[in-house]
PDB file of all heavy atoms in Angstrom:
ATOM      1  N   GLU A   1     108.140 109.446  99.778  1.00  0.00           N
ATOM      2  CA  GLU A   1     107.732 110.469  98.819  1.00  0.00           C
ATOM      3  C   GLU A   1     106.759 111.452  99.447  1.00  0.00           C
ATOM      4  O   GLU A   1     106.756 112.637  99.110  1.00  0.00           O
ATOM      5  CB  GLU A   1     107.115 109.825  97.583  1.00  0.00           C
ATOM      6  CG  GLU A   1     108.127 109.183  96.672  1.00  0.00           C
ATOM      7  CD  GLU A   1     107.531 108.647  95.390  1.00  0.00           C
ATOM      8  OE1 GLU A   1     106.358 108.965  95.077  1.00  0.00           O
ATOM      9  OE2 GLU A   1     108.228 107.903  94.698  1.00  0.00           O
ATOM     10  N   GLY A   2     105.931 110.962 100.361  1.00  0.00           N
ATOM     11  CA  GLY A   2     104.973 111.826 101.030  1.00  0.00           C
ATOM     12  C   GLY A   2     105.622 112.901 101.882  1.00  0.00           C
ATOM     13  O   GLY A   2     104.985 113.900 102.219  1.00  0.00           O
ATOM     14  N   LEU A   3     106.886 112.727 102.226  1.00  0.00           N
ATOM     15  CA  LEU A   3     107.614 113.749 102.956  1.00  0.00           C
ATOM     16  C   LEU A   3     108.025 114.897 102.043  1.00  0.00           C
ATOM     17  O   LEU A   3     108.252 116.012 102.510  1.00  0.00           O
ATOM     18  CB  LEU A   3     108.863 113.146 103.611  1.00  0.00           C
ATOM     19  CG  LEU A   3     108.609 112.053 104.647  1.00  0.00           C
ATOM     20  CD1 LEU A   3     109.939 111.450 105.098  1.00  0.00           C
ATOM     21  CD2 LEU A   3     107.828 112.574 105.830  1.00  0.00           C
ATOM     22  N   ASP A   4     108.126 114.624 100.744  1.00  0.00           N
ATOM     23  CA  ASP A   4     108.609 115.616  99.791  1.00  0.00           C
ATOM     24  C   ASP A   4     107.525 116.215  98.902  1.00  0.00           C
ATOM     25  O   ASP A   4     107.727 117.270  98.314  1.00  0.00           O
ATOM     26  CB  ASP A   4     109.680 114.993  98.883  1.00  0.00           C
ATOM     27  CG  ASP A   4     110.902 114.528  99.652  1.00  0.00           C
ATOM     28  OD1 ASP A   4     111.251 115.185 100.649  1.00  0.00           O
ATOM     29  OD2 ASP A   4     111.499 113.517  99.259  1.00  0.00           O
ATOM     30  N   ARG A   5     106.409 115.519  98.781  1.00  0.00           N
ATOM     31  CA  ARG A   5     105.345 116.010  97.901  1.00  0.00           C
ATOM     32  C   ARG A   5     103.993 115.553  98.435  1.00  0.00           C
ATOM     33  O   ARG A   5     103.916 114.665  99.275  1.00  0.00           O
ATOM     34  CB  ARG A   5     105.529 115.496  96.473  1.00  0.00           C
ATOM     35  CG  ARG A   5     105.345 113.986  96.331  1.00  0.00           C
ATOM     36  CD  ARG A   5     105.366 113.546  94.863  1.00  0.00           C
ATOM     37  NE  ARG A   5     105.264 112.111  94.725  1.00  0.00           N
ATOM     38  CZ  ARG A   5     104.117 111.435  94.667  1.00  0.00           C
ATOM     39  NH1 ARG A   5     102.966 112.074  94.754  1.00  0.00           N
ATOM     40  NH2 ARG A   5     104.106 110.116  94.529  1.00  0.00           N
ATOM     41  N   ASP A   6     102.944 116.199  97.957  1.00  0.00           N
ATOM     42  CA  ASP A   6     101.593 115.775  98.312  1.00  0.00           C
ATOM     43  C   ASP A   6     101.250 114.524  97.520  1.00  0.00           C
ATOM     44  O   ASP A   6     101.404 114.493  96.295  1.00  0.00           O
ATOM     45  CB  ASP A   6     100.580 116.876  97.986  1.00  0.00           C
ATOM     46  CG  ASP A   6     100.723 118.084  98.897  1.00  0.00           C
ATOM     47  OD1 ASP A   6     101.199 117.901 100.036  1.00  0.00           O
ATOM     48  OD2 ASP A   6     100.353 119.187  98.483  1.00  0.00           O
ATOM     49  N   LEU A   7     100.810 113.493  98.223  1.00  0.00           N
ATOM     50  CA  LEU A   7     100.398 112.265  97.548  1.00  0.00           C
ATOM     51  C   LEU A   7      99.006 112.452  96.962  1.00  0.00           C
ATOM     52  O   LEU A   7      98.192 113.211  97.495  1.00  0.00           O
ATOM     53  CB  LEU A   7     100.388 111.094  98.536  1.00  0.00           C
ATOM     54  CG  LEU A   7     101.720 110.731  99.189  1.00  0.00           C
ATOM     55  CD1 LEU A   7     101.527 109.577 100.171  1.00  0.00           C
ATOM     56  CD2 LEU A   7     102.765 110.375  98.150  1.00  0.00           C
ATOM     57  N   SER A   8      98.735 111.731  95.882  1.00  0.00           N
ATOM     58  CA  SER A   8      97.409 111.782  95.274  1.00  0.00           C
ATOM     59  C   SER A   8      96.403 111.104  96.194  1.00  0.00           C
ATOM     60  O   SER A   8      96.775 110.378  97.133  1.00  0.00           O
ATOM     61  CB  SER A   8      97.415 111.083  93.908  1.00  0.00           C
ATOM     62  OG  SER A   8      97.544 109.676  94.098  1.00  0.00           O
ATOM     63  N   LEU A   9      95.143 111.303  95.929  1.00  0.00           N
ATOM     64  CA  LEU A   9      94.086 110.681  96.716  1.00  0.00           C
ATOM     65  C   LEU A   9      94.217 109.157  96.690  1.00  0.00           C
ATOM     66  O   LEU A   9      94.123 108.500  97.724  1.00  0.00           O
ATOM     67  CB  LEU A   9      92.709 111.106  96.200  1.00  0.00           C
ATOM     68  CG  LEU A   9      91.513 110.476  96.900  1.00  0.00           C
ATOM     69  CD1 LEU A   9      91.489 110.848  98.369  1.00  0.00           C
ATOM     70  CD2 LEU A   9      90.219 110.884  96.215  1.00  0.00           C
ATOM     71  N   VAL A  10      94.465 108.595  95.520  1.00  0.00           N
ATOM     72  CA  VAL A  10      94.613 107.140  95.390  1.00  0.00           C
ATOM     73  C   VAL A  10      95.820 106.649  96.178  1.00  0.00           C
ATOM     74  O   VAL A  10      95.757 105.623  96.860  1.00  0.00           O
ATOM     75  CB  VAL A  10      94.707 106.738  93.902  1.00  0.00           C
ATOM     76  CG1 VAL A  10      95.034 105.264  93.751  1.00  0.00           C
ATOM     77  CG2 VAL A  10      93.423 107.078  93.175  1.00  0.00           C
ATOM     78  N   GLU A  11      96.926 107.390  96.124  1.00  0.00           N
ATOM     79  CA  GLU A  11      98.123 107.005  96.874  1.00  0.00           C
ATOM     80  C   GLU A  11      97.855 107.047  98.379  1.00  0.00           C
ATOM     81  O   GLU A  11      98.236 106.136  99.108  1.00  0.00           O
ATOM     82  CB  GLU A  11      99.291 107.928  96.529  1.00  0.00           C
ATOM     83  CG  GLU A  11      99.850 107.715  95.137  1.00  0.00           C
ATOM     84  CD  GLU A  11     100.854 108.761  94.737  1.00  0.00           C
ATOM     85  OE1 GLU A  11     100.701 109.951  95.120  1.00  0.00           O
ATOM     86  OE2 GLU A  11     101.815 108.403  94.026  1.00  0.00           O
ATOM     87  N   ARG A  12      97.200 108.113  98.844  1.00  0.00           N
ATOM     88  CA  ARG A  12      96.885 108.227 100.272  1.00  0.00           C
ATOM     89  C   ARG A  12      95.955 107.116 100.730  1.00  0.00           C
ATOM     90  O   ARG A  12      96.136 106.548 101.813  1.00  0.00           O
ATOM     91  CB  ARG A  12      96.258 109.589 100.579  1.00  0.00           C
ATOM     92  CG  ARG A  12      97.227 110.753 100.490  1.00  0.00           C
ATOM     93  CD  ARG A  12      96.670 112.038 101.067  1.00  0.00           C
ATOM     94  NE  ARG A  12      95.306 112.352 100.687  1.00  0.00           N
ATOM     95  CZ  ARG A  12      94.946 113.084  99.642  1.00  0.00           C
ATOM     96  NH1 ARG A  12      95.871 113.596  98.848  1.00  0.00           N
ATOM     97  NH2 ARG A  12      93.675 113.323  99.387  1.00  0.00           N
ATOM     98  N   MET A  13      94.971 106.786  99.912  1.00  0.00           N
ATOM     99  CA  MET A  13      94.036 105.720 100.270  1.00  0.00           C
ATOM    100  C   MET A  13      94.753 104.376 100.346  1.00  0.00           C
ATOM    101  O   MET A  13      94.546 103.607 101.284  1.00  0.00           O
ATOM    102  CB  MET A  13      92.891 105.660  99.259  1.00  0.00           C
ATOM    103  CG  MET A  13      91.918 106.805  99.389  1.00  0.00           C
ATOM    104  SD  MET A  13      90.635 106.805  98.115  1.00  0.00           S
ATOM    105  CE  MET A  13      89.915 105.209  98.317  1.00  0.00           C
ATOM    106  N   GLY A  14      95.604 104.088  99.363  1.00  0.00           N
ATOM    107  CA  GLY A  14      96.360 102.848  99.369  1.00  0.00           C
ATOM    108  C   GLY A  14      97.264 102.748 100.582  1.00  0.00           C
ATOM    109  O   GLY A  14      97.382 101.693 101.210  1.00  0.00           O
ATOM    110  N   LEU A  15      97.888 103.854 100.927  1.00  0.00           N
ATOM    111  CA  LEU A  15      98.759 103.909 102.097  1.00  0.00           C
ATOM    112  C   LEU A  15      97.966 103.618 103.367  1.00  0.00           C
ATOM    113  O   LEU A  15      98.357 102.778 104.184  1.00  0.00           O
ATOM    114  CB  LEU A  15      99.415 105.286 102.172  1.00  0.00           C
ATOM    115  CG  LEU A  15     100.333 105.581 103.338  1.00  0.00           C
ATOM    116  CD1 LEU A  15     101.534 104.661 103.341  1.00  0.00           C
ATOM    117  CD2 LEU A  15     100.783 107.029 103.295  1.00  0.00           C
ATOM    118  N   ARG A  16      96.837 104.277 103.522  1.00  0.00           N
ATOM    119  CA  ARG A  16      96.017 104.087 104.730  1.00  0.00           C
ATOM    120  C   ARG A  16      95.488 102.665 104.848  1.00  0.00           C
ATOM    121  O   ARG A  16      95.485 102.085 105.934  1.00  0.00           O
ATOM    122  CB  ARG A  16      94.859 105.081 104.732  1.00  0.00           C
ATOM    123  CG  ARG A  16      95.318 106.480 105.034  1.00  0.00           C
ATOM    124  CD  ARG A  16      94.167 107.428 105.109  1.00  0.00           C
ATOM    125  NE  ARG A  16      94.650 108.787 105.334  1.00  0.00           N
ATOM    126  CZ  ARG A  16      93.898 109.848 105.309  1.00  0.00           C
ATOM    127  NH1 ARG A  16      92.606 109.730 105.073  1.00  0.00           N
ATOM    128  NH2 ARG A  16      94.403 111.041 105.519  1.00  0.00           N
ATOM    129  N   VAL A  17      95.042 102.102 103.733  1.00  0.00           N
ATOM    130  CA  VAL A  17      94.537 100.721 103.760  1.00  0.00           C
ATOM    131  C   VAL A  17      95.643  99.772 104.195  1.00  0.00           C
ATOM    132  O   VAL A  17      95.436  98.902 105.045  1.00  0.00           O
ATOM    133  CB  VAL A  17      93.967 100.311 102.375  1.00  0.00           C
ATOM    134  CG1 VAL A  17      93.739  98.815 102.296  1.00  0.00           C
ATOM    135  CG2 VAL A  17      92.685 101.079 102.080  1.00  0.00           C
ATOM    136  N   HIS A  18      96.822  99.944 103.643  1.00  0.00           N
ATOM    137  CA  HIS A  18      97.940  99.064 103.982  1.00  0.00           C
ATOM    138  C   HIS A  18      98.319  99.207 105.456  1.00  0.00           C
ATOM    139  O   HIS A  18      98.586  98.214 106.136  1.00  0.00           O
ATOM    140  CB  HIS A  18      99.143  99.373 103.086  1.00  0.00           C
ATOM    141  CG  HIS A  18     100.283  98.419 103.258  1.00  0.00           C
ATOM    142  ND1 HIS A  18     100.420  97.275 102.511  1.00  0.00           N
ATOM    143  CD2 HIS A  18     101.350  98.441 104.101  1.00  0.00           C
ATOM    144  CE1 HIS A  18     101.513  96.636 102.873  1.00  0.00           C
ATOM    145  NE2 HIS A  18     102.100  97.322 103.845  1.00  0.00           N
ATOM    146  N   LEU A  19      98.334 100.437 105.961  1.00  0.00           N
ATOM    147  CA  LEU A  19      98.740 100.671 107.345  1.00  0.00           C
ATOM    148  C   LEU A  19      97.760 100.065 108.345  1.00  0.00           C
ATOM    149  O   LEU A  19      98.137  99.778 109.481  1.00  0.00           O
ATOM    150  CB  LEU A  19      98.918 102.169 107.613  1.00  0.00           C
ATOM    151  CG  LEU A  19     100.068 102.851 106.861  1.00  0.00           C
ATOM    152  CD1 LEU A  19     100.119 104.335 107.195  1.00  0.00           C
ATOM    153  CD2 LEU A  19     101.401 102.191 107.132  1.00  0.00           C
ATOM    154  N   VAL A  20      96.525  99.844 107.923  1.00  0.00           N
ATOM    155  CA  VAL A  20      95.536  99.227 108.809  1.00  0.00           C
ATOM    156  C   VAL A  20      95.950  97.811 109.192  1.00  0.00           C
ATOM    157  O   VAL A  20      95.770  97.391 110.335  1.00  0.00           O
ATOM    158  CB  VAL A  20      94.134  99.224 108.154  1.00  0.00           C
ATOM    159  CG1 VAL A  20      93.176  98.308 108.879  1.00  0.00           C
ATOM    160  CG2 VAL A  20      93.580 100.638 108.085  1.00  0.00           C
ATOM    161  N   TYR A  21      96.531  97.087 108.259  1.00  0.00           N
ATOM    162  CA  TYR A  21      96.835  95.682 108.527  1.00  0.00           C
ATOM    163  C   TYR A  21      98.325  95.357 108.617  1.00  0.00           C
ATOM    164  O   TYR A  21      98.689  94.223 108.934  1.00  0.00           O
ATOM    165  CB  TYR A  21      96.166  94.756 107.505  1.00  0.00           C
ATOM    166  CG  TYR A  21      96.652  94.915 106.082  1.00  0.00           C
ATOM    167  CD1 TYR A  21      97.793  94.263 105.646  1.00  0.00           C
ATOM    168  CD2 TYR A  21      95.955  95.709 105.175  1.00  0.00           C
ATOM    169  CE1 TYR A  21      98.243  94.396 104.342  1.00  0.00           C
ATOM    170  CE2 TYR A  21      96.399  95.841 103.867  1.00  0.00           C
ATOM    171  CZ  TYR A  21      97.534  95.189 103.468  1.00  0.00           C
ATOM    172  OH  TYR A  21      97.977  95.339 102.180  1.00  0.00           O
ATOM    173  N   CYS A  22      99.200  96.300 108.391  1.00  0.00           N
ATOM    174  CA  CYS A  22     100.634  96.001 108.409  1.00  0.00           C
ATOM    175  C   CYS A  22     101.332  96.774 109.530  1.00  0.00           C
ATOM    176  O   CYS A  22     101.570  97.980 109.417  1.00  0.00           O
ATOM    177  CB  CYS A  22     101.265  96.333 107.058  1.00  0.00           C
ATOM    178  SG  CYS A  22     103.024  95.897 106.986  1.00  0.00           S
ATOM    179  N   ASP A  23     101.660  96.060 110.598  1.00  0.00           N
ATOM    180  CA  ASP A  23     102.331  96.693 111.740  1.00  0.00           C
ATOM    181  C   ASP A  23     103.726  97.201 111.386  1.00  0.00           C
ATOM    182  O   ASP A  23     104.148  98.250 111.877  1.00  0.00           O
ATOM    183  CB  ASP A  23     102.434  95.719 112.911  1.00  0.00           C
ATOM    184  CG  ASP A  23     101.084  95.405 113.530  1.00  0.00           C
ATOM    185  OD1 ASP A  23     100.148  96.217 113.385  1.00  0.00           O
ATOM    186  OD2 ASP A  23     100.956  94.334 114.156  1.00  0.00           O
ATOM    187  N   ALA A  24     104.444  96.475 110.541  1.00  0.00           N
ATOM    188  CA  ALA A  24     105.810  96.876 110.182  1.00  0.00           C
ATOM    189  C   ALA A  24     105.802  98.221 109.456  1.00  0.00           C
ATOM    190  O   ALA A  24     106.605  99.114 109.767  1.00  0.00           O
ATOM    191  CB  ALA A  24     106.478  95.810 109.325  1.00  0.00           C
ATOM    192  N   CYS A  25     104.896  98.384 108.514  1.00  0.00           N
ATOM    193  CA  CYS A  25     104.828  99.647 107.772  1.00  0.00           C
ATOM    194  C   CYS A  25     104.275 100.772 108.639  1.00  0.00           C
ATOM    195  O   CYS A  25     104.667 101.930 108.494  1.00  0.00           O
ATOM    196  CB  CYS A  25     104.004  99.474 106.504  1.00  0.00           C
ATOM    197  SG  CYS A  25     104.866  98.497 105.247  1.00  0.00           S
ATOM    198  N   THR A  26     103.377 100.431 109.562  1.00  0.00           N
ATOM    199  CA  THR A  26     102.874 101.425 110.506  1.00  0.00           C
ATOM    200  C   THR A  26     104.022 101.932 111.370  1.00  0.00           C
ATOM    201  O   THR A  26     104.147 103.145 111.603  1.00  0.00           O
ATOM    202  CB  THR A  26     101.760 100.820 111.377  1.00  0.00           C
ATOM    203  OG1 THR A  26     100.694 100.405 110.530  1.00  0.00           O
ATOM    204  CG2 THR A  26     101.239 101.821 112.391  1.00  0.00           C
ATOM    205  N   ASN A  27     104.889 101.025 111.818  1.00  0.00           N
ATOM    206  CA  ASN A  27     106.073 101.429 112.587  1.00  0.00           C
ATOM    207  C   ASN A  27     107.007 102.291 111.749  1.00  0.00           C
ATOM    208  O   ASN A  27     107.537 103.298 112.225  1.00  0.00           O
ATOM    209  CB  ASN A  27     106.812 100.207 113.126  1.00  0.00           C
ATOM    210  CG  ASN A  27     106.053  99.513 114.230  1.00  0.00           C
ATOM    211  OD1 ASN A  27     105.226 100.108 114.912  1.00  0.00           O
ATOM    212  ND2 ASN A  27     106.322  98.230 114.410  1.00  0.00           N
ATOM    213  N   PHE A  28     107.233 101.887 110.494  1.00  0.00           N
ATOM    214  CA  PHE A  28     108.103 102.658 109.599  1.00  0.00           C
ATOM    215  C   PHE A  28     107.549 104.070 109.411  1.00  0.00           C
ATOM    216  O   PHE A  28     108.292 105.056 109.489  1.00  0.00           O
ATOM    217  CB  PHE A  28     108.232 101.951 108.250  1.00  0.00           C
ATOM    218  CG  PHE A  28     109.058 102.714 107.248  1.00  0.00           C
ATOM    219  CD1 PHE A  28     110.433 102.736 107.340  1.00  0.00           C
ATOM    220  CD2 PHE A  28     108.452 103.419 106.213  1.00  0.00           C
ATOM    221  CE1 PHE A  28     111.201 103.441 106.422  1.00  0.00           C
ATOM    222  CE2 PHE A  28     109.205 104.114 105.293  1.00  0.00           C
ATOM    223  CZ  PHE A  28     110.583 104.130 105.400  1.00  0.00           C
ATOM    224  N   ASN A  29     106.260 104.182 109.182  1.00  0.00           N
ATOM    225  CA  ASN A  29     105.617 105.478 109.004  1.00  0.00           C
ATOM    226  C   ASN A  29     105.800 106.339 110.259  1.00  0.00           C
ATOM    227  O   ASN A  29     106.133 107.522 110.167  1.00  0.00           O
ATOM    228  CB  ASN A  29     104.133 105.285 108.689  1.00  0.00           C
ATOM    229  CG  ASN A  29     103.443 106.565 108.339  1.00  0.00           C
ATOM    230  OD1 ASN A  29     103.931 107.363 107.546  1.00  0.00           O
ATOM    231  ND2 ASN A  29     102.278 106.771 108.932  1.00  0.00           N
ATOM    232  N   GLY A  30     105.611 105.736 111.421  1.00  0.00           N
ATOM    233  CA  GLY A  30     105.803 106.470 112.673  1.00  0.00           C
ATOM    234  C   GLY A  30     107.236 106.929 112.860  1.00  0.00           C
ATOM    235  O   GLY A  30     107.484 108.060 113.305  1.00  0.00           O
ATOM    236  N   GLN A  31     108.189 106.073 112.508  1.00  0.00           N
ATOM    237  CA  GLN A  31     109.600 106.434 112.624  1.00  0.00           C
ATOM    238  C   GLN A  31     109.960 107.587 111.688  1.00  0.00           C
ATOM    239  O   GLN A  31     110.684 108.507 112.071  1.00  0.00           O
ATOM    240  CB  GLN A  31     110.481 105.222 112.335  1.00  0.00           C
ATOM    241  CG  GLN A  31     110.398 104.153 113.399  1.00  0.00           C
ATOM    242  CD  GLN A  31     111.014 102.840 112.957  1.00  0.00           C
ATOM    243  OE1 GLN A  31     111.312 102.624 111.796  1.00  0.00           O
ATOM    244  NE2 GLN A  31     111.192 101.940 113.914  1.00  0.00           N
ATOM    245  N   MET A  32     109.441 107.540 110.481  1.00  0.00           N
ATOM    246  CA  MET A  32     109.720 108.618 109.524  1.00  0.00           C
ATOM    247  C   MET A  32     109.122 109.940 110.013  1.00  0.00           C
ATOM    248  O   MET A  32     109.756 110.990 109.893  1.00  0.00           O
ATOM    249  CB  MET A  32     109.185 108.260 108.141  1.00  0.00           C
ATOM    250  CG  MET A  32     109.907 107.092 107.491  1.00  0.00           C
ATOM    251  SD  MET A  32     111.682 107.374 107.266  1.00  0.00           S
ATOM    252  CE  MET A  32     111.643 108.537 105.923  1.00  0.00           C
ATOM    253  N   ASN A  33     107.935 109.881 110.568  1.00  0.00           N
ATOM    254  CA  ASN A  33     107.312 111.098 111.103  1.00  0.00           C
ATOM    255  C   ASN A  33     108.086 111.631 112.302  1.00  0.00           C
ATOM    256  O   ASN A  33     108.246 112.849 112.457  1.00  0.00           O
ATOM    257  CB  ASN A  33     105.847 110.845 111.464  1.00  0.00           C
ATOM    258  CG  ASN A  33     104.974 110.759 110.240  1.00  0.00           C
ATOM    259  OD1 ASN A  33     105.192 111.451 109.249  1.00  0.00           O
ATOM    260  ND2 ASN A  33     103.975 109.904 110.289  1.00  0.00           N
ATOM    261  N   LEU A  34     108.588 110.735 113.151  1.00  0.00           N
ATOM    262  CA  LEU A  34     109.392 111.151 114.295  1.00  0.00           C
ATOM    263  C   LEU A  34     110.675 111.840 113.831  1.00  0.00           C
ATOM    264  O   LEU A  34     111.048 112.903 114.351  1.00  0.00           O
ATOM    265  CB  LEU A  34     109.731 109.938 115.163  1.00  0.00           C
ATOM    266  CG  LEU A  34     110.641 110.203 116.360  1.00  0.00           C
ATOM    267  CD1 LEU A  34     109.917 111.053 117.392  1.00  0.00           C
ATOM    268  CD2 LEU A  34     111.097 108.892 116.977  1.00  0.00           C
ATOM    269  N   ILE A  35     111.342 111.262 112.850  1.00  0.00           N
ATOM    270  CA  ILE A  35     112.569 111.864 112.310  1.00  0.00           C
ATOM    271  C   ILE A  35     112.262 113.228 111.712  1.00  0.00           C
ATOM    272  O   ILE A  35     112.998 114.195 111.923  1.00  0.00           O
ATOM    273  CB  ILE A  35     113.216 110.937 111.265  1.00  0.00           C
ATOM    274  CG1 ILE A  35     113.762 109.688 111.953  1.00  0.00           C
ATOM    275  CG2 ILE A  35     114.309 111.654 110.476  1.00  0.00           C
ATOM    276  CD1 ILE A  35     114.173 108.576 110.995  1.00  0.00           C
ATOM    277  N   ARG A  36     111.160 113.335 111.004  1.00  0.00           N
ATOM    278  CA  ARG A  36     110.781 114.609 110.382  1.00  0.00           C
ATOM    279  C   ARG A  36     110.549 115.683 111.448  1.00  0.00           C
ATOM    280  O   ARG A  36     111.029 116.806 111.325  1.00  0.00           O
ATOM    281  CB  ARG A  36     109.517 114.408 109.542  1.00  0.00           C
ATOM    282  CG  ARG A  36     109.075 115.660 108.844  1.00  0.00           C
ATOM    283  CD  ARG A  36     107.828 115.386 108.057  1.00  0.00           C
ATOM    284  NE  ARG A  36     107.776 116.292 106.934  1.00  0.00           N
ATOM    285  CZ  ARG A  36     106.802 116.350 106.086  1.00  0.00           C
ATOM    286  NH1 ARG A  36     105.787 115.531 106.185  1.00  0.00           N
ATOM    287  NH2 ARG A  36     106.818 117.208 105.101  1.00  0.00           N
ATOM    288  N   ARG A  37     109.823 115.328 112.507  1.00  0.00           N
ATOM    289  CA  ARG A  37     109.567 116.298 113.579  1.00  0.00           C
ATOM    290  C   ARG A  37     110.867 116.700 114.275  1.00  0.00           C
ATOM    291  O   ARG A  37     111.075 117.871 114.602  1.00  0.00           O
ATOM    292  CB  ARG A  37     108.573 115.726 114.595  1.00  0.00           C
ATOM    293  CG  ARG A  37     107.153 115.671 114.080  1.00  0.00           C
ATOM    294  CD  ARG A  37     106.139 115.371 115.184  1.00  0.00           C
ATOM    295  NE  ARG A  37     106.478 114.236 116.026  1.00  0.00           N
ATOM    296  CZ  ARG A  37     106.146 112.970 115.781  1.00  0.00           C
ATOM    297  NH1 ARG A  37     105.434 112.667 114.702  1.00  0.00           N
ATOM    298  NH2 ARG A  37     106.487 112.007 116.617  1.00  0.00           N
ATOM    299  N   ALA A  38     111.754 115.735 114.499  1.00  0.00           N
ATOM    300  CA  ALA A  38     113.030 116.027 115.151  1.00  0.00           C
ATOM    301  C   ALA A  38     113.883 116.957 114.297  1.00  0.00           C
ATOM    302  O   ALA A  38     114.510 117.889 114.825  1.00  0.00           O
ATOM    303  CB  ALA A  38     113.784 114.727 115.437  1.00  0.00           C
ATOM    304  N   MET A  39     113.905 116.719 112.999  1.00  0.00           N
ATOM    305  CA  MET A  39     114.697 117.566 112.104  1.00  0.00           C
ATOM    306  C   MET A  39     114.166 118.995 112.079  1.00  0.00           C
ATOM    307  O   MET A  39     114.928 119.950 112.008  1.00  0.00           O
ATOM    308  CB  MET A  39     114.714 116.984 110.685  1.00  0.00           C
ATOM    309  CG  MET A  39     115.460 115.672 110.571  1.00  0.00           C
ATOM    310  SD  MET A  39     117.201 115.797 111.021  1.00  0.00           S
ATOM    311  CE  MET A  39     117.813 116.801 109.680  1.00  0.00           C
ATOM    312  N   ARG A  40     112.852 119.136 112.158  1.00  0.00           N
ATOM    313  CA  ARG A  40     112.264 120.484 112.163  1.00  0.00           C
ATOM    314  C   ARG A  40     112.625 121.247 113.434  1.00  0.00           C
ATOM    315  O   ARG A  40     112.693 122.468 113.425  1.00  0.00           O
ATOM    316  CB  ARG A  40     110.748 120.399 112.023  1.00  0.00           C
ATOM    317  CG  ARG A  40     110.308 120.058 110.637  1.00  0.00           C
ATOM    318  CD  ARG A  40     108.811 120.041 110.550  1.00  0.00           C
ATOM    319  NE  ARG A  40     108.390 119.839 109.166  1.00  0.00           N
ATOM    320  CZ  ARG A  40     107.184 119.514 108.803  1.00  0.00           C
ATOM    321  NH1 ARG A  40     106.232 119.343 109.705  1.00  0.00           N
ATOM    322  NH2 ARG A  40     106.886 119.346 107.535  1.00  0.00           N
ATOM    323  N   LYS A  41     112.858 120.531 114.529  1.00  0.00           N
ATOM    324  CA  LYS A  41     113.171 121.180 115.798  1.00  0.00           C
ATOM    325  C   LYS A  41     114.651 121.489 115.951  1.00  0.00           C
ATOM    326  O   LYS A  41     115.030 122.238 116.848  1.00  0.00           O
ATOM    327  CB  LYS A  41     112.717 120.294 116.960  1.00  0.00           C
ATOM    328  CG  LYS A  41     111.214 120.244 117.101  1.00  0.00           C
ATOM    329  CD  LYS A  41     110.813 119.419 118.302  1.00  0.00           C
ATOM    330  CE  LYS A  41     109.302 119.396 118.436  1.00  0.00           C
ATOM    331  NZ  LYS A  41     108.869 118.648 119.625  1.00  0.00           N
TER     332      LYS A  41
END
């Protein structure tokens, strides 16, 4: 959803807290960002 809209402050905070301790979701987030950058190019 963060790719399509601005997340609320609470949503962003929850996301960041989770990414601190979850390697799988950190990888997923990185993959989504990589795909987004590739599509823009």
